[in-house]
PDB file of N, CA and C in Angstrom:
ATOM      1  N   MET A   1     124.666 -49.183-121.619  1.00  0.00           N
ATOM      2  CA  MET A   1     123.487 -49.998-121.845  1.00  0.00           C
ATOM      3  C   MET A   1     122.351 -49.448-120.984  1.00  0.00           C
ATOM      4  N   THR A   2     121.241 -49.234-121.604  1.00  0.00           N
ATOM      5  CA  THR A   2     120.130 -48.640-120.878  1.00  0.00           C
ATOM      6  C   THR A   2     119.312 -49.713-120.160  1.00  0.00           C
ATOM      7  N   LEU A   3     118.446 -49.234-119.312  1.00  0.00           N
ATOM      8  CA  LEU A   3     117.604 -50.128-118.516  1.00  0.00           C
ATOM      9  C   LEU A   3     116.652 -50.939-119.401  1.00  0.00           C
ATOM     10  N   GLU A   4     116.201 -50.341-120.498  1.00  0.00           N
ATOM     11  CA  GLU A   4     115.291 -51.066-121.391  1.00  0.00           C
ATOM     12  C   GLU A   4     115.964 -52.285-122.010  1.00  0.00           C
ATOM     13  N   TRP A   5     117.226 -52.148-122.367  1.00  0.00           N
ATOM     14  CA  TRP A   5     117.944 -53.287-122.964  1.00  0.00           C
ATOM     15  C   TRP A   5     118.192 -54.385-121.935  1.00  0.00           C
ATOM     16  N   ILE A   6     118.481 -54.001-120.706  1.00  0.00           N
ATOM     17  CA  ILE A   6     118.666 -54.997-119.651  1.00  0.00           C
ATOM     18  C   ILE A   6     117.363 -55.752-119.425  1.00  0.00           C
ATOM     19  N   ARG A   7     116.243 -55.024-119.374  1.00  0.00           N
ATOM     20  CA  ARG A   7     114.943 -55.679-119.223  1.00  0.00           C
ATOM     21  C   ARG A   7     114.639 -56.575-120.417  1.00  0.00           C
ATOM     22  N   PHE A   8     114.998 -56.125-121.608  1.00  0.00           N
ATOM     23  CA  PHE A   8     114.764 -56.931-122.804  1.00  0.00           C
ATOM     24  C   PHE A   8     115.528 -58.248-122.732  1.00  0.00           C
ATOM     25  N   TYR A   9     116.811 -58.205-122.379  1.00  0.00           N
ATOM     26  CA  TYR A   9     117.613 -59.424-122.317  1.00  0.00           C
ATOM     27  C   TYR A   9     117.156 -60.350-121.185  1.00  0.00           C
ATOM     28  N   MET A  10     116.758 -59.786-120.059  1.00  0.00           N
ATOM     29  CA  MET A  10     116.247 -60.615-118.972  1.00  0.00           C
ATOM     30  C   MET A  10     114.929 -61.281-119.380  1.00  0.00           C
ATOM     31  N   THR A  11     114.063 -60.520-120.039  1.00  0.00           N
ATOM     32  CA  THR A  11     112.801 -61.087-120.520  1.00  0.00           C
ATOM     33  C   THR A  11     113.062 -62.191-121.525  1.00  0.00           C
ATOM     34  N   ALA A  12     113.977 -61.959-122.454  1.00  0.00           N
ATOM     35  CA  ALA A  12     114.297 -62.970-123.463  1.00  0.00           C
ATOM     36  C   ALA A  12     114.865 -64.231-122.809  1.00  0.00           C
ATOM     37  N   ALA A  13     115.697 -64.071-121.799  1.00  0.00           N
ATOM     38  CA  ALA A  13     116.277 -65.233-121.114  1.00  0.00           C
ATOM     39  C   ALA A  13     115.198 -66.033-120.395  1.00  0.00           C
ATOM     40  N   PHE A  14     114.304 -65.356-119.667  1.00  0.00           N
ATOM     41  CA  PHE A  14     113.250 -66.060-118.944  1.00  0.00           C
ATOM     42  C   PHE A  14     112.291 -66.772-119.897  1.00  0.00           C
ATOM     43  N   ILE A  15     111.935 -66.122-120.998  1.00  0.00           N
ATOM     44  CA  ILE A  15     111.013 -66.754-121.947  1.00  0.00           C
ATOM     45  C   ILE A  15     111.699 -67.914-122.656  1.00  0.00           C
ATOM     46  N   THR A  16     112.988 -67.802-122.929  1.00  0.00           N
ATOM     47  CA  THR A  16     113.714 -68.918-123.541  1.00  0.00           C
ATOM     48  C   THR A  16     113.765 -70.117-122.595  1.00  0.00           C
ATOM     49  N   ILE A  17     114.001 -69.874-121.319  1.00  0.00           N
ATOM     50  CA  ILE A  17     113.987 -70.961-120.328  1.00  0.00           C
ATOM     51  C   ILE A  17     112.598 -71.589-120.269  1.00  0.00           C
ATOM     52  N   ALA A  18     111.560 -70.766-120.316  1.00  0.00           N
ATOM     53  CA  ALA A  18     110.193 -71.287-120.272  1.00  0.00           C
ATOM     54  C   ALA A  18     109.893 -72.146-121.497  1.00  0.00           C
ATOM     55  N   LEU A  19     110.279 -71.696-122.667  1.00  0.00           N
ATOM     56  CA  LEU A  19     110.037 -72.481-123.870  1.00  0.00           C
ATOM     57  C   LEU A  19     110.825 -73.786-123.854  1.00  0.00           C
ATOM     58  N   SER A  20     112.031 -73.748-123.310  1.00  0.00           N
ATOM     59  CA  SER A  20     112.798 -74.990-123.167  1.00  0.00           C
ATOM     60  C   SER A  20     112.111 -75.950-122.203  1.00  0.00           C
ATOM     61  N   GLY A  21     111.582 -75.427-121.116  1.00  0.00           N
ATOM     62  CA  GLY A  21     110.860 -76.269-120.168  1.00  0.00           C
ATOM     63  C   GLY A  21     109.619 -76.886-120.777  1.00  0.00           C
ATOM     64  N   PHE A  22     108.879 -76.104-121.566  1.00  0.00           N
ATOM     65  CA  PHE A  22     107.716 -76.661-122.253  1.00  0.00           C
ATOM     66  C   PHE A  22     108.133 -77.749-123.237  1.00  0.00           C
ATOM     67  N   ALA A  23     109.248 -77.536-123.939  1.00  0.00           N
ATOM     68  CA  ALA A  23     109.726 -78.543-124.898  1.00  0.00           C
ATOM     69  C   ALA A  23     110.130 -79.831-124.180  1.00  0.00           C
ATOM     70  N   PHE A  24     110.812 -79.722-123.043  1.00  0.00           N
ATOM     71  CA  PHE A  24     111.179 -80.913-122.279  1.00  0.00           C
ATOM     72  C   PHE A  24     109.942 -81.628-121.733  1.00  0.00           C
ATOM     73  N   ALA A  25     108.924 -80.865-121.333  1.00  0.00           N
ATOM     74  CA  ALA A  25     107.690 -81.478-120.846  1.00  0.00           C
ATOM     75  C   ALA A  25     106.992 -82.250-121.968  1.00  0.00           C
ATOM     76  N   VAL A  26     106.958 -81.671-123.154  1.00  0.00           N
ATOM     77  CA  VAL A  26     106.348 -82.369-124.287  1.00  0.00           C
ATOM     78  C   VAL A  26     107.136 -83.632-124.615  1.00  0.00           C
ATOM     79  N   ALA A  27     108.462 -83.534-124.581  1.00  0.00           N
ATOM     80  CA  ALA A  27     109.287 -84.719-124.848  1.00  0.00           C
ATOM     81  C   ALA A  27     109.070 -85.786-123.781  1.00  0.00           C
ATOM     82  N   GLY A  28     108.920 -85.386-122.535  1.00  0.00           N
ATOM     83  CA  GLY A  28     108.665 -86.346-121.468  1.00  0.00           C
ATOM     84  C   GLY A  28     107.316 -87.015-121.601  1.00  0.00           C
ATOM     85  N   VAL A  29     106.302 -86.237-121.960  1.00  0.00           N
ATOM     86  CA  VAL A  29     104.978 -86.816-122.157  1.00  0.00           C
ATOM     87  C   VAL A  29     104.998 -87.774-123.338  1.00  0.00           C
ATOM     88  N   TRP A  30     105.736 -87.452-124.359  1.00  0.00           N
ATOM     89  CA  TRP A  30     105.801 -88.295-125.550  1.00  0.00           C
ATOM     90  C   TRP A  30     106.640 -89.558-125.316  1.00  0.00           C
ATOM     91  N   ARG A  31     107.695 -89.457-124.515  1.00  0.00           N
ATOM     92  CA  ARG A  31     108.647 -90.550-124.379  1.00  0.00           C
ATOM     93  C   ARG A  31     108.260 -91.583-123.334  1.00  0.00           C
ATOM     94  N   PHE A  32     107.727 -91.164-122.190  1.00  0.00           N
ATOM     95  CA  PHE A  32     107.474 -92.092-121.097  1.00  0.00           C
ATOM     96  C   PHE A  32     106.353 -93.072-121.431  1.00  0.00           C
ATOM     97  N   ASP A  33     106.451 -94.271-120.828  1.00  0.00           N
ATOM     98  CA  ASP A  33     105.489 -95.327-121.107  1.00  0.00           C
ATOM     99  C   ASP A  33     104.245 -95.253-120.226  1.00  0.00           C
ATOM    100  N   TYR A  34     104.438 -95.090-118.938  1.00  0.00           N
ATOM    101  CA  TYR A  34     103.318 -95.143-118.008  1.00  0.00           C
ATOM    102  C   TYR A  34     102.645 -93.785-117.888  1.00  0.00           C
ATOM    103  N   ILE A  35     101.352 -93.850-117.670  1.00  0.00           N
ATOM    104  CA  ILE A  35     100.558 -92.623-117.608  1.00  0.00           C
ATOM    105  C   ILE A  35     100.980 -91.737-116.439  1.00  0.00           C
ATOM    106  N   LEU A  36     101.366 -92.335-115.322  1.00  0.00           N
ATOM    107  CA  LEU A  36     101.770 -91.518-114.172  1.00  0.00           C
ATOM    108  C   LEU A  36     103.069 -90.774-114.447  1.00  0.00           C
ATOM    109  N   ASN A  37     103.987 -91.396-115.165  1.00  0.00           N
ATOM    110  CA  ASN A  37     105.217 -90.704-115.550  1.00  0.00           C
ATOM    111  C   ASN A  37     104.918 -89.561-116.507  1.00  0.00           C
ATOM    112  N   ARG A  38     103.995 -89.793-117.421  1.00  0.00           N
ATOM    113  CA  ARG A  38     103.614 -88.740-118.362  1.00  0.00           C
ATOM    114  C   ARG A  38     102.957 -87.569-117.636  1.00  0.00           C
ATOM    115  N   MET A  39     102.104 -87.882-116.685  1.00  0.00           N
ATOM    116  CA  MET A  39     101.443 -86.816-115.941  1.00  0.00           C
ATOM    117  C   MET A  39     102.445 -86.029-115.100  1.00  0.00           C
ATOM    118  N   HIS A  40     103.421 -86.721-114.556  1.00  0.00           N
ATOM    119  CA  HIS A  40     104.449 -86.036-113.768  1.00  0.00           C
ATOM    120  C   HIS A  40     105.259 -85.091-114.652  1.00  0.00           C
ATOM    121  N   ALA A  41     105.661 -85.562-115.827  1.00  0.00           N
ATOM    122  CA  ALA A  41     106.437 -84.716-116.736  1.00  0.00           C
ATOM    123  C   ALA A  41     105.629 -83.502-117.171  1.00  0.00           C
ATOM    124  N   GLY A  42     104.366 -83.711-117.472  1.00  0.00           N
ATOM    125  CA  GLY A  42     103.519 -82.588-117.871  1.00  0.00           C
ATOM    126  C   GLY A  42     103.267 -81.607-116.749  1.00  0.00           C
ATOM    127  N   GLY A  43     103.038 -82.121-115.552  1.00  0.00           N
ATOM    128  CA  GLY A  43     102.769 -81.246-114.413  1.00  0.00           C
ATOM    129  C   GLY A  43     103.974 -80.426-113.995  1.00  0.00           C
ATOM    130  N   ILE A  44     105.139 -81.045-113.960  1.00  0.00           N
ATOM    131  CA  ILE A  44     106.355 -80.314-113.594  1.00  0.00           C
ATOM    132  C   ILE A  44     106.699 -79.287-114.664  1.00  0.00           C
ATOM    133  N   GLY A  45     106.591 -79.702-115.915  1.00  0.00           N
ATOM    134  CA  GLY A  45     106.860 -78.765-117.008  1.00  0.00           C
ATOM    135  C   GLY A  45     105.897 -77.599-117.012  1.00  0.00           C
ATOM    136  N   ASP A  46     104.663 -77.875-116.655  1.00  0.00           N
ATOM    137  CA  ASP A  46     103.648 -76.835-116.631  1.00  0.00           C
ATOM    138  C   ASP A  46     103.962 -75.782-115.573  1.00  0.00           C
ATOM    139  N   THR A  47     104.207 -76.201-114.342  1.00  0.00           N
ATOM    140  CA  THR A  47     104.444 -75.232-113.266  1.00  0.00           C
ATOM    141  C   THR A  47     105.795 -74.537-113.425  1.00  0.00           C
ATOM    142  N   PHE A  48     106.825 -75.279-113.806  1.00  0.00           N
ATOM    143  CA  PHE A  48     108.164 -74.705-113.995  1.00  0.00           C
ATOM    144  C   PHE A  48     108.153 -73.675-115.117  1.00  0.00           C
ATOM    145  N   SER A  49     107.617 -74.068-116.261  1.00  0.00           N
ATOM    146  CA  SER A  49     107.657 -73.187-117.423  1.00  0.00           C
ATOM    147  C   SER A  49     106.733 -71.992-117.262  1.00  0.00           C
ATOM    148  N   LEU A  50     105.593 -72.218-116.639  1.00  0.00           N
ATOM    149  CA  LEU A  50     104.676 -71.105-116.427  1.00  0.00           C
ATOM    150  C   LEU A  50     105.301 -70.049-115.524  1.00  0.00           C
ATOM    151  N   PHE A  51     106.036 -70.478-114.503  1.00  0.00           N
ATOM    152  CA  PHE A  51     106.716 -69.517-113.630  1.00  0.00           C
ATOM    153  C   PHE A  51     107.697 -68.649-114.415  1.00  0.00           C
ATOM    154  N   PHE A  52     108.530 -69.277-115.232  1.00  0.00           N
ATOM    155  CA  PHE A  52     109.526 -68.508-115.977  1.00  0.00           C
ATOM    156  C   PHE A  52     108.887 -67.635-117.049  1.00  0.00           C
ATOM    157  N   LEU A  53     107.824 -68.104-117.677  1.00  0.00           N
ATOM    158  CA  LEU A  53     107.154 -67.306-118.698  1.00  0.00           C
ATOM    159  C   LEU A  53     106.517 -66.065-118.094  1.00  0.00           C
ATOM    160  N   VAL A  54     105.779 -66.235-117.013  1.00  0.00           N
ATOM    161  CA  VAL A  54     105.115 -65.092-116.386  1.00  0.00           C
ATOM    162  C   VAL A  54     106.134 -64.156-115.741  1.00  0.00           C
ATOM    163  N   THR A  55     107.207 -64.690-115.194  1.00  0.00           N
ATOM    164  CA  THR A  55     108.251 -63.832-114.631  1.00  0.00           C
ATOM    165  C   THR A  55     108.888 -62.986-115.723  1.00  0.00           C
ATOM    166  N   GLY A  56     109.148 -63.581-116.874  1.00  0.00           N
ATOM    167  CA  GLY A  56     109.689 -62.808-117.997  1.00  0.00           C
ATOM    168  C   GLY A  56     108.734 -61.722-118.455  1.00  0.00           C
ATOM    169  N   LEU A  57     107.458 -62.037-118.500  1.00  0.00           N
ATOM    170  CA  LEU A  57     106.483 -61.021-118.893  1.00  0.00           C
ATOM    171  C   LEU A  57     106.348 -59.926-117.839  1.00  0.00           C
ATOM    172  N   MET A  58     106.473 -60.289-116.559  1.00  0.00           N
ATOM    173  CA  MET A  58     106.406 -59.273-115.505  1.00  0.00           C
ATOM    174  C   MET A  58     107.617 -58.349-115.552  1.00  0.00           C
ATOM    175  N   ILE A  59     108.778 -58.880-115.938  1.00  0.00           N
ATOM    176  CA  ILE A  59     109.966 -58.030-116.066  1.00  0.00           C
ATOM    177  C   ILE A  59     109.762 -57.013-117.183  1.00  0.00           C
ATOM    178  N   SER A  60     109.126 -57.444-118.270  1.00  0.00           N
ATOM    179  CA  SER A  60     108.944 -56.524-119.391  1.00  0.00           C
ATOM    180  C   SER A  60     107.784 -55.567-119.192  1.00  0.00           C
ATOM    181  N   ALA A  61     106.904 -55.841-118.246  1.00  0.00           N
ATOM    182  CA  ALA A  61     105.751 -54.963-118.004  1.00  0.00           C
ATOM    183  C   ALA A  61     106.205 -53.697-117.304  1.00  0.00           C
ATOM    184  N   SER A  62     105.580 -52.605-117.669  1.00  0.00           N
ATOM    185  CA  SER A  62     105.968 -51.338-117.050  1.00  0.00           C
ATOM    186  C   SER A  62     104.966 -50.861-116.006  1.00  0.00           C
ATOM    187  N   ALA A  63     103.704 -51.207-116.162  1.00  0.00           N
ATOM    188  CA  ALA A  63     102.678 -50.748-115.228  1.00  0.00           C
ATOM    189  C   ALA A  63     102.499 -51.771-114.101  1.00  0.00           C
ATOM    190  N   PRO A  64     102.390 -51.310-112.867  1.00  0.00           N
ATOM    191  CA  PRO A  64     102.202 -52.238-111.746  1.00  0.00           C
ATOM    192  C   PRO A  64     100.909 -53.049-111.844  1.00  0.00           C
ATOM    193  N   ILE A  65      99.860 -52.491-112.427  1.00  0.00           N
ATOM    194  CA  ILE A  65      98.609 -53.244-112.545  1.00  0.00           C
ATOM    195  C   ILE A  65      98.775 -54.428-113.491  1.00  0.00           C
ATOM    196  N   VAL A  66      99.633 -54.298-114.488  1.00  0.00           N
ATOM    197  CA  VAL A  66      99.892 -55.401-115.411  1.00  0.00           C
ATOM    198  C   VAL A  66     100.621 -56.527-114.677  1.00  0.00           C
ATOM    199  N   ILE A  67     101.528 -56.159-113.795  1.00  0.00           N
ATOM    200  CA  ILE A  67     102.253 -57.163-113.014  1.00  0.00           C
ATOM    201  C   ILE A  67     101.282 -57.924-112.110  1.00  0.00           C
ATOM    202  N   VAL A  68     100.348 -57.220-111.490  1.00  0.00           N
ATOM    203  CA  VAL A  68      99.351 -57.876-110.638  1.00  0.00           C
ATOM    204  C   VAL A  68      98.458 -58.780-111.474  1.00  0.00           C
ATOM    205  N   LYS A  69      98.072 -58.321-112.663  1.00  0.00           N
ATOM    206  CA  LYS A  69      97.218 -59.128-113.536  1.00  0.00           C
ATOM    207  C   LYS A  69      97.944 -60.381-114.024  1.00  0.00           C
ATOM    208  N   LEU A  70      99.241 -60.331-114.150  1.00  0.00           N
ATOM    209  CA  LEU A  70     100.006 -61.519-114.525  1.00  0.00           C
ATOM    210  C   LEU A  70     100.244 -62.437-113.328  1.00  0.00           C
ATOM    211  N   LEU A  71     100.353 -61.869-112.163  1.00  0.00           N
ATOM    212  CA  LEU A  71     100.629 -62.659-110.969  1.00  0.00           C
ATOM    213  C   LEU A  71      99.420 -63.477-110.513  1.00  0.00           C
ATOM    214  N   LEU A  72      98.229 -62.946-110.659  1.00  0.00           N
ATOM    215  CA  LEU A  72      97.037 -63.658-110.193  1.00  0.00           C
ATOM    216  C   LEU A  72      96.787 -64.966-110.945  1.00  0.00           C
ATOM    217  N   PRO A  73      96.836 -65.004-112.283  1.00  0.00           N
ATOM    218  CA  PRO A  73      96.684 -66.311-112.949  1.00  0.00           C
ATOM    219  C   PRO A  73      97.820 -67.281-112.631  1.00  0.00           C
ATOM    220  N   LEU A  74      99.016 -66.752-112.402  1.00  0.00           N
ATOM    221  CA  LEU A  74     100.134 -67.615-112.026  1.00  0.00           C
ATOM    222  C   LEU A  74      99.841 -68.309-110.701  1.00  0.00           C
ATOM    223  N   LEU A  75      99.364 -67.567-109.730  1.00  0.00           N
ATOM    224  CA  LEU A  75      99.022 -68.169-108.429  1.00  0.00           C
ATOM    225  C   LEU A  75      97.893 -69.180-108.569  1.00  0.00           C
ATOM    226  N   PHE A  76      96.898 -68.856-109.388  1.00  0.00           N
ATOM    227  CA  PHE A  76      95.803 -69.798-109.596  1.00  0.00           C
ATOM    228  C   PHE A  76      96.313 -71.089-110.218  1.00  0.00           C
ATOM    229  N   MET A  77      97.163 -70.994-111.223  1.00  0.00           N
ATOM    230  CA  MET A  77      97.692 -72.191-111.880  1.00  0.00           C
ATOM    231  C   MET A  77      98.594 -72.987-110.947  1.00  0.00           C
ATOM    232  N   TRP A  78      99.351 -72.313-110.092  1.00  0.00           N
ATOM    233  CA  TRP A  78     100.222 -73.026-109.165  1.00  0.00           C
ATOM    234  C   TRP A  78      99.431 -73.852-108.161  1.00  0.00           C
ATOM    235  N   PHE A  79      98.233 -73.395-107.806  1.00  0.00           N
ATOM    236  CA  PHE A  79      97.419 -74.164-106.871  1.00  0.00           C
ATOM    237  C   PHE A  79      96.548 -75.191-107.583  1.00  0.00           C
ATOM    238  N   SER A  80      96.029 -74.858-108.738  1.00  0.00           N
ATOM    239  CA  SER A  80      95.078 -75.759-109.385  1.00  0.00           C
ATOM    240  C   SER A  80      95.749 -76.856-110.212  1.00  0.00           C
ATOM    241  N   SER A  81      96.853 -76.585-110.852  1.00  0.00           N
ATOM    242  CA  SER A  81      97.478 -77.587-111.717  1.00  0.00           C
ATOM    243  C   SER A  81      98.013 -78.794-110.939  1.00  0.00           C
ATOM    244  N   PRO A  82      98.786 -78.628-109.877  1.00  0.00           N
ATOM    245  CA  PRO A  82      99.214 -79.815-109.118  1.00  0.00           C
ATOM    246  C   PRO A  82      98.055 -80.569-108.474  1.00  0.00           C
ATOM    247  N   THR A  83      97.026 -79.848-108.045  1.00  0.00           N
ATOM    248  CA  THR A  83      95.875 -80.508-107.447  1.00  0.00           C
ATOM    249  C   THR A  83      95.137 -81.347-108.484  1.00  0.00           C
ATOM    250  N   ALA A  84      94.941 -80.792-109.672  1.00  0.00           N
ATOM    251  CA  ALA A  84      94.267 -81.543-110.728  1.00  0.00           C
ATOM    252  C   ALA A  84      95.096 -82.749-111.159  1.00  0.00           C
ATOM    253  N   THR A  85      96.401 -82.582-111.266  1.00  0.00           N
ATOM    254  CA  THR A  85      97.268 -83.696-111.632  1.00  0.00           C
ATOM    255  C   THR A  85      97.216 -84.789-110.570  1.00  0.00           C
ATOM    256  N   HIS A  86      97.184 -84.401-109.312  1.00  0.00           N
ATOM    257  CA  HIS A  86      97.109 -85.376-108.230  1.00  0.00           C
ATOM    258  C   HIS A  86      95.804 -86.164-108.292  1.00  0.00           C
ATOM    259  N   PHE A  87      94.688 -85.479-108.492  1.00  0.00           N
ATOM    260  CA  PHE A  87      93.403 -86.181-108.550  1.00  0.00           C
ATOM    261  C   PHE A  87      93.323 -87.104-109.763  1.00  0.00           C
ATOM    262  N   LEU A  88      93.845 -86.671-110.905  1.00  0.00           N
ATOM    263  CA  LEU A  88      93.842 -87.532-112.085  1.00  0.00           C
ATOM    264  C   LEU A  88      94.736 -88.755-111.888  1.00  0.00           C
ATOM    265  N   SER A  89      95.879 -88.560-111.253  1.00  0.00           N
ATOM    266  CA  SER A  89      96.759 -89.706-111.023  1.00  0.00           C
ATOM    267  C   SER A  89      96.150 -90.683-110.015  1.00  0.00           C
ATOM    268  N   GLN A  90      95.454 -90.189-109.011  1.00  0.00           N
ATOM    269  CA  GLN A  90      94.771 -91.078-108.074  1.00  0.00           C
ATOM    270  C   GLN A  90      93.673 -91.880-108.770  1.00  0.00           C
ATOM    271  N   THR A  91      92.961 -91.235-109.667  1.00  0.00           N
ATOM    272  CA  THR A  91      91.928 -91.945-110.431  1.00  0.00           C
ATOM    273  C   THR A  91      92.548 -93.037-111.286  1.00  0.00           C
ATOM    274  N   GLU A  92      93.645 -92.732-111.947  1.00  0.00           N
ATOM    275  CA  GLU A  92      94.321 -93.728-112.774  1.00  0.00           C
ATOM    276  C   GLU A  92      94.865 -94.862-111.916  1.00  0.00           C
ATOM    277  N   TYR A  93      95.405 -94.544-110.783  1.00  0.00           N
ATOM    278  CA  TYR A  93      95.987 -95.564-109.908  1.00  0.00           C
ATOM    279  C   TYR A  93      94.931 -96.553-109.426  1.00  0.00           C
ATOM    280  N   TYR A  94      93.770 -96.053-109.030  1.00  0.00           N
ATOM    281  CA  TYR A  94      92.757 -96.929-108.461  1.00  0.00           C
ATOM    282  C   TYR A  94      91.852 -97.591-109.496  1.00  0.00           C
ATOM    283  N   THR A  95      91.835 -97.109-110.738  1.00  0.00           N
ATOM    284  CA  THR A  95      90.940 -97.710-111.728  1.00  0.00           C
ATOM    285  C   THR A  95      91.660 -98.572-112.749  1.00  0.00           C
ATOM    286  N   ASN A  96      92.950 -98.420-112.941  1.00  0.00           N
ATOM    287  CA  ASN A  96      93.693 -99.215-113.914  1.00  0.00           C
ATOM    288  C   ASN A  96      94.271-100.440-113.203  1.00  0.00           C
ATOM    289  N   VAL A  97      93.704-101.604-113.468  1.00  0.00           N
ATOM    290  CA  VAL A  97      94.116-102.834-112.785  1.00  0.00           C
ATOM    291  C   VAL A  97      95.557-103.181-113.114  1.00  0.00           C
ATOM    292  N   HIS A  98      95.957-103.024-114.338  1.00  0.00           N
ATOM    293  CA  HIS A  98      97.321-103.377-114.738  1.00  0.00           C
ATOM    294  C   HIS A  98      98.355-102.462-114.075  1.00  0.00           C
ATOM    295  N   LEU A  99      98.027-101.195-113.961  1.00  0.00           N
ATOM    296  CA  LEU A  99      98.942-100.265-113.296  1.00  0.00           C
ATOM    297  C   LEU A  99      99.043-100.594-111.815  1.00  0.00           C
ATOM    298  N   PHE A 100      97.933-100.940-111.188  1.00  0.00           N
ATOM    299  CA  PHE A 100      97.940-101.295-109.773  1.00  0.00           C
ATOM    300  C   PHE A 100      98.798-102.531-109.537  1.00  0.00           C
ATOM    301  N   GLU A 101      98.695-103.526-110.416  1.00  0.00           N
ATOM    302  CA  GLU A 101      99.524-104.732-110.292  1.00  0.00           C
ATOM    303  C   GLU A 101     101.001-104.406-110.513  1.00  0.00           C
ATOM    304  N   HIS A 102     101.297-103.516-111.445  1.00  0.00           N
ATOM    305  CA  HIS A 102     102.684-103.119-111.703  1.00  0.00           C
ATOM    306  C   HIS A 102     103.292-102.438-110.478  1.00  0.00           C
ATOM    307  N   VAL A 103     102.561-101.537-109.870  1.00  0.00           N
ATOM    308  CA  VAL A 103     103.065-100.827-108.691  1.00  0.00           C
ATOM    309  C   VAL A 103     103.202-101.790-107.520  1.00  0.00           C
ATOM    310  N   LYS A 104     102.264-102.708-107.376  1.00  0.00           N
ATOM    311  CA  LYS A 104     102.322-103.676-106.284  1.00  0.00           C
ATOM    312  C   LYS A 104     103.558-104.569-106.423  1.00  0.00           C
ATOM    313  N   LYS A 105     103.897-104.968-107.656  1.00  0.00           N
ATOM    314  CA  LYS A 105     105.099-105.770-107.877  1.00  0.00           C
ATOM    315  C   LYS A 105     106.360-104.981-107.553  1.00  0.00           C
ATOM    316  N   LYS A 106     106.389-103.716-107.922  1.00  0.00           N
ATOM    317  CA  LYS A 106     107.560-102.886-107.647  1.00  0.00           C
ATOM    318  C   LYS A 106     107.767-102.700-106.163  1.00  0.00           C
ATOM    319  N   ILE A 107     106.666-102.536-105.423  1.00  0.00           N
ATOM    320  CA  ILE A 107     106.768-102.305-103.988  1.00  0.00           C
ATOM    321  C   ILE A 107     107.221-103.573-103.260  1.00  0.00           C
ATOM    322  N   SER A 108     106.695-104.727-103.666  1.00  0.00           N
ATOM    323  CA  SER A 108     107.032-105.962-102.974  1.00  0.00           C
ATOM    324  C   SER A 108     108.384-106.539-103.417  1.00  0.00           C
ATOM    325  N   GLY A 109     109.009-105.962-104.457  1.00  0.00           N
ATOM    326  CA  GLY A 109     110.311-106.419-104.908  1.00  0.00           C
ATOM    327  C   GLY A 109     110.247-107.592-105.856  1.00  0.00           C
ATOM    328  N   GLU A 110     109.122-107.837-106.454  1.00  0.00           N
ATOM    329  CA  GLU A 110     108.962-108.947-107.366  1.00  0.00           C
ATOM    330  C   GLU A 110     109.225-108.556-108.813  1.00  0.00           C
ATOM    331  N   SER A 111     109.972-107.494-109.039  1.00  0.00           N
ATOM    332  CA  SER A 111     110.205-107.070-110.421  1.00  0.00           C
ATOM    333  C   SER A 111     111.058-108.083-111.155  1.00  0.00           C
ATOM    334  N   ASN A 112     110.937-108.102-112.444  1.00  0.00           N
ATOM    335  CA  ASN A 112     111.652-109.088-113.256  1.00  0.00           C
ATOM    336  C   ASN A 112     112.976-108.541-113.792  1.00  0.00           C
ATOM    337  N   GLY A 113     113.623-107.695-113.051  1.00  0.00           N
ATOM    338  CA  GLY A 113     114.945-107.199-113.439  1.00  0.00           C
ATOM    339  C   GLY A 113     114.936-105.914-114.223  1.00  0.00           C
ATOM    340  N   HIS A 114     113.795-105.292-114.402  1.00  0.00           N
ATOM    341  CA  HIS A 114     113.738-104.036-115.170  1.00  0.00           C
ATOM    342  C   HIS A 114     113.895-102.859-114.261  1.00  0.00           C
TER     343      HIS A 114
END
């Protein structure tokens, strides 16, 4: 087995894992009820899947400059995506009265058995 075939199978495995992660993130965003749960599923799926997708593409790349060009957007997304998700969730937490009351009940232990 040559090196090209090993790289091909490793790339295929990483991209398959990434596509599965994106599919689970979409299912989580679609299934969960609360906006914060949806944002968490989307944010985790985004960073997890993006890592595996770019890693698979870096394995298949042959030129070092291509690897650097793939690594820079990955680093940018790793820093900007969780930060943006955090700011959006803080906005939702402080502006949605019903969500604030729900979280306050959960913290104080006044839940109705759910």
